[in-house]
């Protein structure tokens, strides 16, 4: 499977524990392409459809953007390293401009 930074995949988070993400939900790949091409894991950020309040560590996504059928947001407070076998199928890819917003939200979330 060819995985690139900015790709949006449906991810199977089961089994989950406690407050972890659960079920199958879209997520965006935030790991660099070198790591994606050589490792058995990748780093992702969960995408949520709970968008009634967008926090500074979130990036809003429009309906239809990157294959999403609902208004959504990338939640950079939910960054996870996952095994690539959790990737179900590719939905789309975020634009360079949107990934710039993701990068800013990562810096804010991690206080970089």
PDB file of N, CA and C in Angstrom:
ATOM      1  N   UNK A   1       0.850  -1.180   0.000  1.00  0.00           N
ATOM      2  CA  UNK A   1       0.000   0.000   0.000  1.00  0.00           C
ATOM      3  C   UNK A   1       0.895   1.242   0.000  1.00  0.00           C
ATOM      4  N   UNK A   2       0.626   2.158  -0.904  1.00  0.00           N
ATOM      5  CA  UNK A   2       1.382   3.404  -1.008  1.00  0.00           C
ATOM      6  C   UNK A   2       0.721   4.459  -0.121  1.00  0.00           C
ATOM      7  N   UNK A   3       1.413   4.888   0.911  1.00  0.00           N
ATOM      8  CA  UNK A   3       0.866   5.834   1.891  1.00  0.00           C
ATOM      9  C   UNK A   3       1.693   7.105   1.855  1.00  0.00           C
ATOM     10  N   UNK A   4       1.014   8.240   1.707  1.00  0.00           N
ATOM     11  CA  UNK A   4       1.688   9.536   1.647  1.00  0.00           C
ATOM     12  C   UNK A   4       1.143  10.462   2.734  1.00  0.00           C
ATOM     13  N   UNK A   5       1.984  11.372   3.164  1.00  0.00           N
ATOM     14  CA  UNK A   5       1.573  12.397   4.127  1.00  0.00           C
ATOM     15  C   UNK A   5       0.425  13.199   3.518  1.00  0.00           C
ATOM     16  N   UNK A   6      -0.633  13.391   4.277  1.00  0.00           N
ATOM     17  CA  UNK A   6      -1.802  14.114   3.800  1.00  0.00           C
ATOM     18  C   UNK A   6      -2.920  13.217   3.301  1.00  0.00           C
ATOM     19  N   UNK A   7      -2.629  11.924   3.108  1.00  0.00           N
ATOM     20  CA  UNK A   7      -3.676  10.993   2.689  1.00  0.00           C
ATOM     21  C   UNK A   7      -4.712  10.839   3.794  1.00  0.00           C
ATOM     22  N   UNK A   8      -5.963  10.709   3.383  1.00  0.00           N
ATOM     23  CA  UNK A   8      -7.059  10.455   4.315  1.00  0.00           C
ATOM     24  C   UNK A   8      -7.492   9.003   4.122  1.00  0.00           C
ATOM     25  N   UNK A   9      -7.434   8.235   5.192  1.00  0.00           N
ATOM     26  CA  UNK A   9      -7.803   6.822   5.177  1.00  0.00           C
ATOM     27  C   UNK A   9      -8.921   6.562   6.166  1.00  0.00           C
ATOM     28  N   UNK A  10      -9.745   5.571   5.857  1.00  0.00           N
ATOM     29  CA  UNK A  10     -10.635   5.002   6.854  1.00  0.00           C
ATOM     30  C   UNK A  10      -9.774   4.071   7.697  1.00  0.00           C
ATOM     31  N   UNK A  11      -9.804   4.262   9.028  1.00  0.00           N
ATOM     32  CA  UNK A  11      -8.943   3.513   9.942  1.00  0.00           C
ATOM     33  C   UNK A  11      -9.805   2.706  10.907  1.00  0.00           C
ATOM     34  N   UNK A  12      -9.439   1.443  11.100  1.00  0.00           N
ATOM     35  CA  UNK A  12     -10.124   0.589  12.067  1.00  0.00           C
ATOM     36  C   UNK A  12      -9.402   0.704  13.411  1.00  0.00           C
ATOM     37  N   UNK A  13     -10.015   1.401  14.362  1.00  0.00           N
ATOM     38  CA  UNK A  13      -9.403   1.632  15.672  1.00  0.00           C
ATOM     39  C   UNK A  13      -9.704   0.525  16.688  1.00  0.00           C
ATOM     40  N   UNK A  14     -10.529  -0.441  16.318  1.00  0.00           N
ATOM     41  CA  UNK A  14     -10.874  -1.510  17.259  1.00  0.00           C
ATOM     42  C   UNK A  14      -9.746  -2.528  17.357  1.00  0.00           C
ATOM     43  N   UNK A  15      -9.474  -3.069  18.533  1.00  0.00           N
ATOM     44  CA  UNK A  15     -10.117  -2.757  19.812  1.00  0.00           C
ATOM     45  C   UNK A  15      -9.537  -1.484  20.426  1.00  0.00           C
ATOM     46  N   UNK A  16     -10.382  -0.737  21.087  1.00  0.00           N
ATOM     47  CA  UNK A  16      -9.968   0.496  21.762  1.00  0.00           C
ATOM     48  C   UNK A  16     -10.135   0.311  23.265  1.00  0.00           C
ATOM     49  N   UNK A  17      -9.454   1.171  24.008  1.00  0.00           N
ATOM     50  CA  UNK A  17      -9.559   1.135  25.472  1.00  0.00           C
ATOM     51  C   UNK A  17      -9.812   2.535  26.002  1.00  0.00           C
ATOM     52  N   UNK A  18     -10.587   2.619  27.063  1.00  0.00           N
ATOM     53  CA  UNK A  18     -10.810   3.890  27.744  1.00  0.00           C
ATOM     54  C   UNK A  18     -11.292   4.989  26.814  1.00  0.00           C
ATOM     55  N   UNK A  19     -10.556   6.091  26.778  1.00  0.00           N
ATOM     56  CA  UNK A  19     -10.938   7.263  25.985  1.00  0.00           C
ATOM     57  C   UNK A  19     -10.346   7.256  24.580  1.00  0.00           C
ATOM     58  N   UNK A  20      -9.768   6.124  24.154  1.00  0.00           N
ATOM     59  CA  UNK A  20      -9.195   6.043  22.814  1.00  0.00           C
ATOM     60  C   UNK A  20     -10.291   6.087  21.754  1.00  0.00           C
ATOM     61  N   UNK A  21      -9.918   6.488  20.547  1.00  0.00           N
ATOM     62  CA  UNK A  21     -10.833   6.436  19.414  1.00  0.00           C
ATOM     63  C   UNK A  21     -11.279   4.994  19.230  1.00  0.00           C
ATOM     64  N   UNK A  22     -12.519   4.806  18.787  1.00  0.00           N
ATOM     65  CA  UNK A  22     -13.043   3.461  18.563  1.00  0.00           C
ATOM     66  C   UNK A  22     -13.769   3.409  17.224  1.00  0.00           C
ATOM     67  N   UNK A  23     -13.973   2.201  16.724  1.00  0.00           N
ATOM     68  CA  UNK A  23     -14.693   2.001  15.478  1.00  0.00           C
ATOM     69  C   UNK A  23     -13.845   2.322  14.266  1.00  0.00           C
ATOM     70  N   UNK A  24     -14.504   2.394  13.112  1.00  0.00           N
ATOM     71  CA  UNK A  24     -13.840   2.796  11.867  1.00  0.00           C
ATOM     72  C   UNK A  24     -14.161   4.254  11.624  1.00  0.00           C
ATOM     73  N   UNK A  25     -13.125   5.046  11.453  1.00  0.00           N
ATOM     74  CA  UNK A  25     -13.336   6.475  11.214  1.00  0.00           C
ATOM     75  C   UNK A  25     -12.214   7.002  10.346  1.00  0.00           C
ATOM     76  N   UNK A  26     -12.469   8.094   9.630  1.00  0.00           N
ATOM     77  CA  UNK A  26     -11.410   8.672   8.805  1.00  0.00           C
ATOM     78  C   UNK A  26     -10.325   9.320   9.654  1.00  0.00           C
ATOM     79  N   UNK A  27      -9.121   9.300   9.117  1.00  0.00           N
ATOM     80  CA  UNK A  27      -7.959   9.920   9.757  1.00  0.00           C
ATOM     81  C   UNK A  27      -7.018  10.393   8.667  1.00  0.00           C
ATOM     82  N   UNK A  28      -6.174  11.363   9.010  1.00  0.00           N
ATOM     83  CA  UNK A  28      -5.198  11.874   8.044  1.00  0.00           C
ATOM     84  C   UNK A  28      -3.804  11.435   8.468  1.00  0.00           C
ATOM     85  N   UNK A  29      -3.007  11.022   7.489  1.00  0.00           N
ATOM     86  CA  UNK A  29      -1.627  10.617   7.738  1.00  0.00           C
ATOM     87  C   UNK A  29      -0.787  11.875   7.918  1.00  0.00           C
ATOM     88  N   UNK A  30      -0.066  11.972   9.055  1.00  0.00           N
ATOM     89  CA  UNK A  30       0.782  13.146   9.296  1.00  0.00           C
ATOM     90  C   UNK A  30       2.262  12.788   9.351  1.00  0.00           C
ATOM     91  N   UNK A  31       2.579  11.497   9.258  1.00  0.00           N
ATOM     92  CA  UNK A  31       3.991  11.082   9.240  1.00  0.00           C
ATOM     93  C   UNK A  31       4.630  11.455   7.906  1.00  0.00           C
ATOM     94  N   UNK A  32       5.944  11.697   7.919  1.00  0.00           N
ATOM     95  CA  UNK A  32       6.658  12.037   6.682  1.00  0.00           C
ATOM     96  C   UNK A  32       6.710  10.830   5.746  1.00  0.00           C
ATOM     97  N   UNK A  33       6.963  11.102   4.465  1.00  0.00           N
ATOM     98  CA  UNK A  33       6.914  10.055   3.448  1.00  0.00           C
ATOM     99  C   UNK A  33       8.047   9.042   3.557  1.00  0.00           C
ATOM    100  N   UNK A  34       9.194   9.436   4.116  1.00  0.00           N
ATOM    101  CA  UNK A  34      10.281   8.473   4.312  1.00  0.00           C
ATOM    102  C   UNK A  34       9.837   7.402   5.300  1.00  0.00           C
ATOM    103  N   UNK A  35       9.291   7.830   6.425  1.00  0.00           N
ATOM    104  CA  UNK A  35       8.782   6.881   7.413  1.00  0.00           C
ATOM    105  C   UNK A  35       7.654   6.032   6.863  1.00  0.00           C
ATOM    106  N   UNK A  36       6.779   6.655   6.067  1.00  0.00           N
ATOM    107  CA  UNK A  36       5.664   5.911   5.484  1.00  0.00           C
ATOM    108  C   UNK A  36       6.130   4.831   4.521  1.00  0.00           C
ATOM    109  N   UNK A  37       7.216   5.081   3.799  1.00  0.00           N
ATOM    110  CA  UNK A  37       7.662   4.108   2.800  1.00  0.00           C
ATOM    111  C   UNK A  37       8.483   2.972   3.397  1.00  0.00           C
ATOM    112  N   UNK A  38       9.043   3.165   4.594  1.00  0.00           N
ATOM    113  CA  UNK A  38       9.940   2.149   5.147  1.00  0.00           C
ATOM    114  C   UNK A  38       9.426   1.432   6.388  1.00  0.00           C
ATOM    115  N   UNK A  39       8.506   2.021   7.119  1.00  0.00           N
ATOM    116  CA  UNK A  39       8.081   1.433   8.388  1.00  0.00           C
ATOM    117  C   UNK A  39       6.808   0.618   8.282  1.00  0.00           C
ATOM    118  N   UNK A  40       6.531  -0.154   9.321  1.00  0.00           N
ATOM    119  CA  UNK A  40       5.292  -0.930   9.390  1.00  0.00           C
ATOM    120  C   UNK A  40       4.190  -0.154  10.106  1.00  0.00           C
ATOM    121  N   UNK A  41       4.544   1.025  10.635  1.00  0.00           N
ATOM    122  CA  UNK A  41       3.571   1.887  11.305  1.00  0.00           C
ATOM    123  C   UNK A  41       3.521   3.236  10.599  1.00  0.00           C
ATOM    124  N   UNK A  42       2.494   4.003  10.917  1.00  0.00           N
ATOM    125  CA  UNK A  42       2.398   5.378  10.449  1.00  0.00           C
ATOM    126  C   UNK A  42       1.770   6.215  11.561  1.00  0.00           C
ATOM    127  N   UNK A  43       1.904   7.520  11.443  1.00  0.00           N
ATOM    128  CA  UNK A  43       1.345   8.437  12.439  1.00  0.00           C
ATOM    129  C   UNK A  43       0.150   9.131  11.806  1.00  0.00           C
ATOM    130  N   UNK A  44      -0.972   9.103  12.515  1.00  0.00           N
ATOM    131  CA  UNK A  44      -2.207   9.687  11.979  1.00  0.00           C
ATOM    132  C   UNK A  44      -2.829  10.633  13.003  1.00  0.00           C
ATOM    133  N   UNK A  45      -3.749  11.456  12.513  1.00  0.00           N
ATOM    134  CA  UNK A  45      -4.592  12.281  13.378  1.00  0.00           C
ATOM    135  C   UNK A  45      -6.040  11.956  13.043  1.00  0.00           C
ATOM    136  N   UNK A  46      -6.833  11.747  14.063  1.00  0.00           N
ATOM    137  CA  UNK A  46      -8.232  11.375  13.880  1.00  0.00           C
ATOM    138  C   UNK A  46      -9.033  12.530  13.297  1.00  0.00           C
ATOM    139  N   UNK A  47     -10.038  12.181  12.513  1.00  0.00           N
ATOM    140  CA  UNK A  47     -10.979  13.156  11.960  1.00  0.00           C
ATOM    141  C   UNK A  47     -12.320  12.932  12.647  1.00  0.00           C
ATOM    142  N   UNK A  48     -12.925  14.005  13.121  1.00  0.00           N
ATOM    143  CA  UNK A  48     -14.201  13.930  13.824  1.00  0.00           C
ATOM    144  C   UNK A  48     -15.289  14.665  13.048  1.00  0.00           C
ATOM    145  N   UNK A  49     -16.534  14.238  13.224  1.00  0.00           N
ATOM    146  CA  UNK A  49     -17.666  14.965  12.644  1.00  0.00           C
ATOM    147  C   UNK A  49     -18.336  15.852  13.685  1.00  0.00           C
ATOM    148  N   UNK A  50     -17.809  15.876  14.889  1.00  0.00           N
ATOM    149  CA  UNK A  50     -18.310  16.774  15.932  1.00  0.00           C
ATOM    150  C   UNK A  50     -17.634  18.121  15.729  1.00  0.00           C
ATOM    151  N   UNK A  51     -18.331  19.008  15.031  1.00  0.00           N
ATOM    152  CA  UNK A  51     -17.718  20.281  14.630  1.00  0.00           C
ATOM    153  C   UNK A  51     -18.500  21.491  15.125  1.00  0.00           C
ATOM    154  N   UNK A  52     -19.342  21.294  16.153  1.00  0.00           N
ATOM    155  CA  UNK A  52     -20.097  22.438  16.667  1.00  0.00           C
ATOM    156  C   UNK A  52     -19.189  23.481  17.303  1.00  0.00           C
ATOM    157  N   UNK A  53     -18.010  23.064  17.762  1.00  0.00           N
ATOM    158  CA  UNK A  53     -17.011  24.007  18.264  1.00  0.00           C
ATOM    159  C   UNK A  53     -15.650  23.541  17.758  1.00  0.00           C
ATOM    160  N   UNK A  54     -14.975  24.421  17.027  1.00  0.00           N
ATOM    161  CA  UNK A  54     -13.648  24.110  16.497  1.00  0.00           C
ATOM    162  C   UNK A  54     -12.613  24.791  17.387  1.00  0.00           C
ATOM    163  N   UNK A  55     -11.751  23.984  17.973  1.00  0.00           N
ATOM    164  CA  UNK A  55     -10.685  24.487  18.838  1.00  0.00           C
ATOM    165  C   UNK A  55      -9.442  24.789  18.006  1.00  0.00           C
ATOM    166  N   UNK A  56      -8.498  25.566  18.543  1.00  0.00           N
ATOM    167  CA  UNK A  56      -7.288  25.915  17.778  1.00  0.00           C
ATOM    168  C   UNK A  56      -6.451  24.708  17.356  1.00  0.00           C
ATOM    169  N   UNK A  57      -6.597  23.567  18.033  1.00  0.00           N
ATOM    170  CA  UNK A  57      -5.853  22.362  17.655  1.00  0.00           C
ATOM    171  C   UNK A  57      -6.634  21.502  16.658  1.00  0.00           C
ATOM    172  N   UNK A  58      -7.677  22.083  16.051  1.00  0.00           N
ATOM    173  CA  UNK A  58      -8.490  21.383  15.056  1.00  0.00           C
ATOM    174  C   UNK A  58      -8.449  22.141  13.734  1.00  0.00           C
ATOM    175  N   UNK A  59      -8.628  21.409  12.637  1.00  0.00           N
ATOM    176  CA  UNK A  59      -8.677  22.003  11.299  1.00  0.00           C
ATOM    177  C   UNK A  59      -9.973  21.553  10.637  1.00  0.00           C
ATOM    178  N   UNK A  60     -10.828  22.525  10.305  1.00  0.00           N
ATOM    179  CA  UNK A  60     -12.131  22.225   9.708  1.00  0.00           C
ATOM    180  C   UNK A  60     -11.961  21.733   8.268  1.00  0.00           C
ATOM    181  N   UNK A  61     -12.770  20.724   7.910  1.00  0.00           N
ATOM    182  CA  UNK A  61     -12.797  20.179   6.557  1.00  0.00           C
ATOM    183  C   UNK A  61     -14.225  20.260   6.029  1.00  0.00           C
ATOM    184  N   UNK A  62     -14.372  20.653   4.785  1.00  0.00           N
ATOM    185  CA  UNK A  62     -15.690  20.817   4.173  1.00  0.00           C
ATOM    186  C   UNK A  62     -16.253  19.480   3.695  1.00  0.00           C
ATOM    187  N   UNK A  63     -17.569  19.441   3.514  1.00  0.00           N
ATOM    188  CA  UNK A  63     -18.215  18.269   2.921  1.00  0.00           C
ATOM    189  C   UNK A  63     -17.614  18.049   1.539  1.00  0.00           C
ATOM    190  N   UNK A  64     -17.275  16.814   1.233  1.00  0.00           N
ATOM    191  CA  UNK A  64     -16.701  16.478  -0.066  1.00  0.00           C
ATOM    192  C   UNK A  64     -15.192  16.597  -0.134  1.00  0.00           C
ATOM    193  N   UNK A  65     -14.603  17.278   0.830  1.00  0.00           N
ATOM    194  CA  UNK A  65     -13.149  17.434   0.836  1.00  0.00           C
ATOM    195  C   UNK A  65     -12.493  16.099   1.176  1.00  0.00           C
ATOM    196  N   UNK A  66     -11.594  15.671   0.341  1.00  0.00           N
ATOM    197  CA  UNK A  66     -10.817  14.436   0.563  1.00  0.00           C
ATOM    198  C   UNK A  66     -11.693  13.208   0.749  1.00  0.00           C
ATOM    199  N   UNK A  67     -12.833  13.180   0.068  1.00  0.00           N
ATOM    200  CA  UNK A  67     -13.702  12.010   0.117  1.00  0.00           C
ATOM    201  C   UNK A  67     -14.610  11.937   1.328  1.00  0.00           C
ATOM    202  N   UNK A  68     -14.686  13.007   2.109  1.00  0.00           N
ATOM    203  CA  UNK A  68     -15.521  13.006   3.318  1.00  0.00           C
ATOM    204  C   UNK A  68     -16.954  13.389   2.962  1.00  0.00           C
ATOM    205  N   UNK A  69     -17.928  12.667   3.522  1.00  0.00           N
ATOM    206  CA  UNK A  69     -19.327  12.937   3.192  1.00  0.00           C
ATOM    207  C   UNK A  69     -20.036  13.821   4.217  1.00  0.00           C
ATOM    208  N   UNK A  70     -19.298  14.271   5.234  1.00  0.00           N
ATOM    209  CA  UNK A  70     -19.854  15.164   6.253  1.00  0.00           C
ATOM    210  C   UNK A  70     -18.845  16.256   6.569  1.00  0.00           C
ATOM    211  N   UNK A  71     -19.352  17.395   7.046  1.00  0.00           N
ATOM    212  CA  UNK A  71     -18.440  18.410   7.557  1.00  0.00           C
ATOM    213  C   UNK A  71     -17.674  17.787   8.717  1.00  0.00           C
ATOM    214  N   UNK A  72     -16.369  17.995   8.737  1.00  0.00           N
ATOM    215  CA  UNK A  72     -15.509  17.300   9.693  1.00  0.00           C
ATOM    216  C   UNK A  72     -14.396  18.214  10.165  1.00  0.00           C
ATOM    217  N   UNK A  73     -13.553  17.680  11.048  1.00  0.00           N
ATOM    218  CA  UNK A  73     -12.372  18.405  11.506  1.00  0.00           C
ATOM    219  C   UNK A  73     -11.280  17.408  11.865  1.00  0.00           C
ATOM    220  N   UNK A  74     -10.047  17.749  11.486  1.00  0.00           N
ATOM    221  CA  UNK A  74      -8.893  16.977  11.931  1.00  0.00           C
ATOM    222  C   UNK A  74      -8.628  17.399  13.366  1.00  0.00           C
ATOM    223  N   UNK A  75      -8.551  16.433  14.262  1.00  0.00           N
ATOM    224  CA  UNK A  75      -8.327  16.717  15.681  1.00  0.00           C
ATOM    225  C   UNK A  75      -6.870  16.412  16.011  1.00  0.00           C
ATOM    226  N   UNK A  76      -6.036  17.451  16.105  1.00  0.00           N
ATOM    227  CA  UNK A  76      -4.617  17.269  16.365  1.00  0.00           C
ATOM    228  C   UNK A  76      -4.319  17.043  17.839  1.00  0.00           C
ATOM    229  N   UNK A  77      -5.359  16.899  18.662  1.00  0.00           N
ATOM    230  CA  UNK A  77      -5.184  16.429  20.034  1.00  0.00           C
ATOM    231  C   UNK A  77      -5.298  14.907  20.077  1.00  0.00           C
ATOM    232  N   UNK A  78      -5.642  14.297  18.943  1.00  0.00           N
ATOM    233  CA  UNK A  78      -5.758  12.835  18.826  1.00  0.00           C
ATOM    234  C   UNK A  78      -4.758  12.342  17.781  1.00  0.00           C
ATOM    235  N   UNK A  79      -3.476  12.402  18.114  1.00  0.00           N
ATOM    236  CA  UNK A  79      -2.395  11.927  17.243  1.00  0.00           C
ATOM    237  C   UNK A  79      -1.984  10.544  17.736  1.00  0.00           C
ATOM    238  N   UNK A  80      -1.921   9.585  16.812  1.00  0.00           N
ATOM    239  CA  UNK A  80      -1.612   8.207  17.192  1.00  0.00           C
ATOM    240  C   UNK A  80      -0.649   7.568  16.205  1.00  0.00           C
ATOM    241  N   UNK A  81       0.177   6.675  16.712  1.00  0.00           N
ATOM    242  CA  UNK A  81       0.965   5.796  15.860  1.00  0.00           C
ATOM    243  C   UNK A  81       0.197   4.490  15.755  1.00  0.00           C
ATOM    244  N   UNK A  82      -0.051   4.054  14.525  1.00  0.00           N
ATOM    245  CA  UNK A  82      -0.821   2.828  14.308  1.00  0.00           C
ATOM    246  C   UNK A  82      -0.068   1.899  13.365  1.00  0.00           C
ATOM    247  N   UNK A  83      -0.367   0.617  13.458  1.00  0.00           N
ATOM    248  CA  UNK A  83       0.131  -0.335  12.481  1.00  0.00           C
ATOM    249  C   UNK A  83      -0.612  -0.090  11.169  1.00  0.00           C
ATOM    250  N   UNK A  84       0.091  -0.200  10.063  1.00  0.00           N
ATOM    251  CA  UNK A  84      -0.525   0.064   8.760  1.00  0.00           C
ATOM    252  C   UNK A  84      -1.667  -0.892   8.441  1.00  0.00           C
ATOM    253  N   UNK A  85      -1.726  -2.044   9.114  1.00  0.00           N
ATOM    254  CA  UNK A  85      -2.830  -2.975   8.868  1.00  0.00           C
ATOM    255  C   UNK A  85      -4.167  -2.404   9.336  1.00  0.00           C
ATOM    256  N   UNK A  86      -4.157  -1.344  10.137  1.00  0.00           N
ATOM    257  CA  UNK A  86      -5.403  -0.689  10.569  1.00  0.00           C
ATOM    258  C   UNK A  86      -6.006   0.192   9.469  1.00  0.00           C
ATOM    259  N   UNK A  87      -5.227   0.500   8.421  1.00  0.00           N
ATOM    260  CA  UNK A  87      -5.723   1.322   7.315  1.00  0.00           C
ATOM    261  C   UNK A  87      -6.638   0.474   6.443  1.00  0.00           C
ATOM    262  N   UNK A  88      -7.915   0.871   6.358  1.00  0.00           N
ATOM    263  CA  UNK A  88      -8.910   0.083   5.626  1.00  0.00           C
ATOM    264  C   UNK A  88      -8.897   0.447   4.150  1.00  0.00           C
ATOM    265  N   UNK A  89      -9.123   1.714   3.827  1.00  0.00           N
ATOM    266  CA  UNK A  89      -9.063   2.166   2.438  1.00  0.00           C
ATOM    267  C   UNK A  89      -8.839   3.672   2.378  1.00  0.00           C
ATOM    268  N   UNK A  90      -8.249   4.113   1.281  1.00  0.00           N
ATOM    269  CA  UNK A  90      -7.957   5.533   1.087  1.00  0.00           C
ATOM    270  C   UNK A  90      -9.210   6.247   0.604  1.00  0.00           C
ATOM    271  N   UNK A  91      -9.515   7.378   1.255  1.00  0.00           N
ATOM    272  CA  UNK A  91     -10.677   8.180   0.888  1.00  0.00           C
ATOM    273  C   UNK A  91     -10.297   9.359   0.006  1.00  0.00           C
ATOM    274  N   UNK A  92      -9.096   9.906   0.207  1.00  0.00           N
ATOM    275  CA  UNK A  92      -8.673  11.088  -0.541  1.00  0.00           C
ATOM    276  C   UNK A  92      -7.362  11.609   0.001  1.00  0.00           C
ATOM    277  N   UNK A  93      -7.106  12.885  -0.272  1.00  0.00           N
ATOM    278  CA  UNK A  93      -5.853  13.507   0.157  1.00  0.00           C
ATOM    279  C   UNK A  93      -6.110  14.987   0.426  1.00  0.00           C
ATOM    280  N   UNK A  94      -5.552  15.506   1.510  1.00  0.00           N
ATOM    281  CA  UNK A  94      -5.695  16.925   1.821  1.00  0.00           C
ATOM    282  C   UNK A  94      -4.777  17.751   0.930  1.00  0.00           C
ATOM    283  N   UNK A  95      -5.202  18.954   0.608  1.00  0.00           N
ATOM    284  CA  UNK A  95      -4.398  19.869  -0.204  1.00  0.00           C
ATOM    285  C   UNK A  95      -3.183  20.348   0.586  1.00  0.00           C
ATOM    286  N   UNK A  96      -2.196  20.870  -0.130  1.00  0.00           N
ATOM    287  CA  UNK A  96      -1.010  21.431   0.528  1.00  0.00           C
ATOM    288  C   UNK A  96      -1.399  22.556   1.480  1.00  0.00           C
ATOM    289  N   UNK A  97      -2.367  23.376   1.067  1.00  0.00           N
ATOM    290  CA  UNK A  97      -2.808  24.490   1.910  1.00  0.00           C
ATOM    291  C   UNK A  97      -3.436  23.976   3.205  1.00  0.00           C
ATOM    292  N   UNK A  98      -4.244  22.923   3.079  1.00  0.00           N
ATOM    293  CA  UNK A  98      -4.891  22.365   4.269  1.00  0.00           C
ATOM    294  C   UNK A  98      -3.843  21.709   5.175  1.00  0.00           C
ATOM    295  N   UNK A  99      -2.833  21.071   4.575  1.00  0.00           N
ATOM    296  CA  UNK A  99      -1.768  20.458   5.387  1.00  0.00           C
ATOM    297  C   UNK A  99      -0.945  21.526   6.105  1.00  0.00           C
ATOM    298  N   UNK A 100      -0.815  22.721   5.520  1.00  0.00           N
ATOM    299  CA  UNK A 100      -0.161  23.828   6.231  1.00  0.00           C
ATOM    300  C   UNK A 100      -0.940  24.162   7.502  1.00  0.00           C
ATOM    301  N   UNK A 101      -2.272  24.146   7.411  1.00  0.00           N
ATOM    302  CA  UNK A 101      -3.106  24.385   8.592  1.00  0.00           C
ATOM    303  C   UNK A 101      -2.924  23.262   9.619  1.00  0.00           C
ATOM    304  N   UNK A 102      -2.833  22.029   9.135  1.00  0.00           N
ATOM    305  CA  UNK A 102      -2.596  20.881  10.019  1.00  0.00           C
ATOM    306  C   UNK A 102      -1.268  21.056  10.748  1.00  0.00           C
ATOM    307  N   UNK A 103      -0.228  21.454  10.018  1.00  0.00           N
ATOM    308  CA  UNK A 103       1.092  21.663  10.635  1.00  0.00           C
ATOM    309  C   UNK A 103       1.031  22.710  11.745  1.00  0.00           C
ATOM    310  N   UNK A 104       0.311  23.797  11.503  1.00  0.00           N
ATOM    311  CA  UNK A 104       0.178  24.844  12.522  1.00  0.00           C
ATOM    312  C   UNK A 104      -0.553  24.312  13.756  1.00  0.00           C
ATOM    313  N   UNK A 105      -1.594  23.517  13.529  1.00  0.00           N
ATOM    314  CA  UNK A 105      -2.357  22.960  14.648  1.00  0.00           C
ATOM    315  C   UNK A 105      -1.529  21.931  15.427  1.00  0.00           C
ATOM    316  N   UNK A 106      -0.670  21.173  14.729  1.00  0.00           N
ATOM    317  CA  UNK A 106       0.226  20.228  15.413  1.00  0.00           C
ATOM    318  C   UNK A 106       1.163  20.998  16.334  1.00  0.00           C
ATOM    319  N   UNK A 107       1.744  22.069  15.820  1.00  0.00           N
ATOM    320  CA  UNK A 107       2.673  22.873  16.623  1.00  0.00           C
ATOM    321  C   UNK A 107       1.978  23.423  17.864  1.00  0.00           C
ATOM    322  N   UNK A 108       0.748  23.870  17.694  1.00  0.00           N
ATOM    323  CA  UNK A 108      -0.011  24.397  18.827  1.00  0.00           C
ATOM    324  C   UNK A 108      -0.333  23.282  19.830  1.00  0.00           C
ATOM    325  N   UNK A 109      -0.795  22.153  19.325  1.00  0.00           N
ATOM    326  CA  UNK A 109      -1.180  21.046  20.201  1.00  0.00           C
ATOM    327  C   UNK A 109      -0.003  20.509  21.008  1.00  0.00           C
ATOM    328  N   UNK A 110       1.180  20.454  20.381  1.00  0.00           N
ATOM    329  CA  UNK A 110       2.366  19.900  21.044  1.00  0.00           C
ATOM    330  C   UNK A 110       3.273  20.963  21.645  1.00  0.00           C
ATOM    331  N   UNK A 111       2.845  22.227  21.561  1.00  0.00           N
ATOM    332  CA  UNK A 111       3.604  23.354  22.110  1.00  0.00           C
ATOM    333  C   UNK A 111       5.030  23.402  21.553  1.00  0.00           C
ATOM    334  N   UNK A 112       5.129  23.291  20.230  1.00  0.00           N
ATOM    335  CA  UNK A 112       6.436  23.329  19.554  1.00  0.00           C
ATOM    336  C   UNK A 112       6.790  24.737  19.111  1.00  0.00           C
TER     337      UNK A 112
END
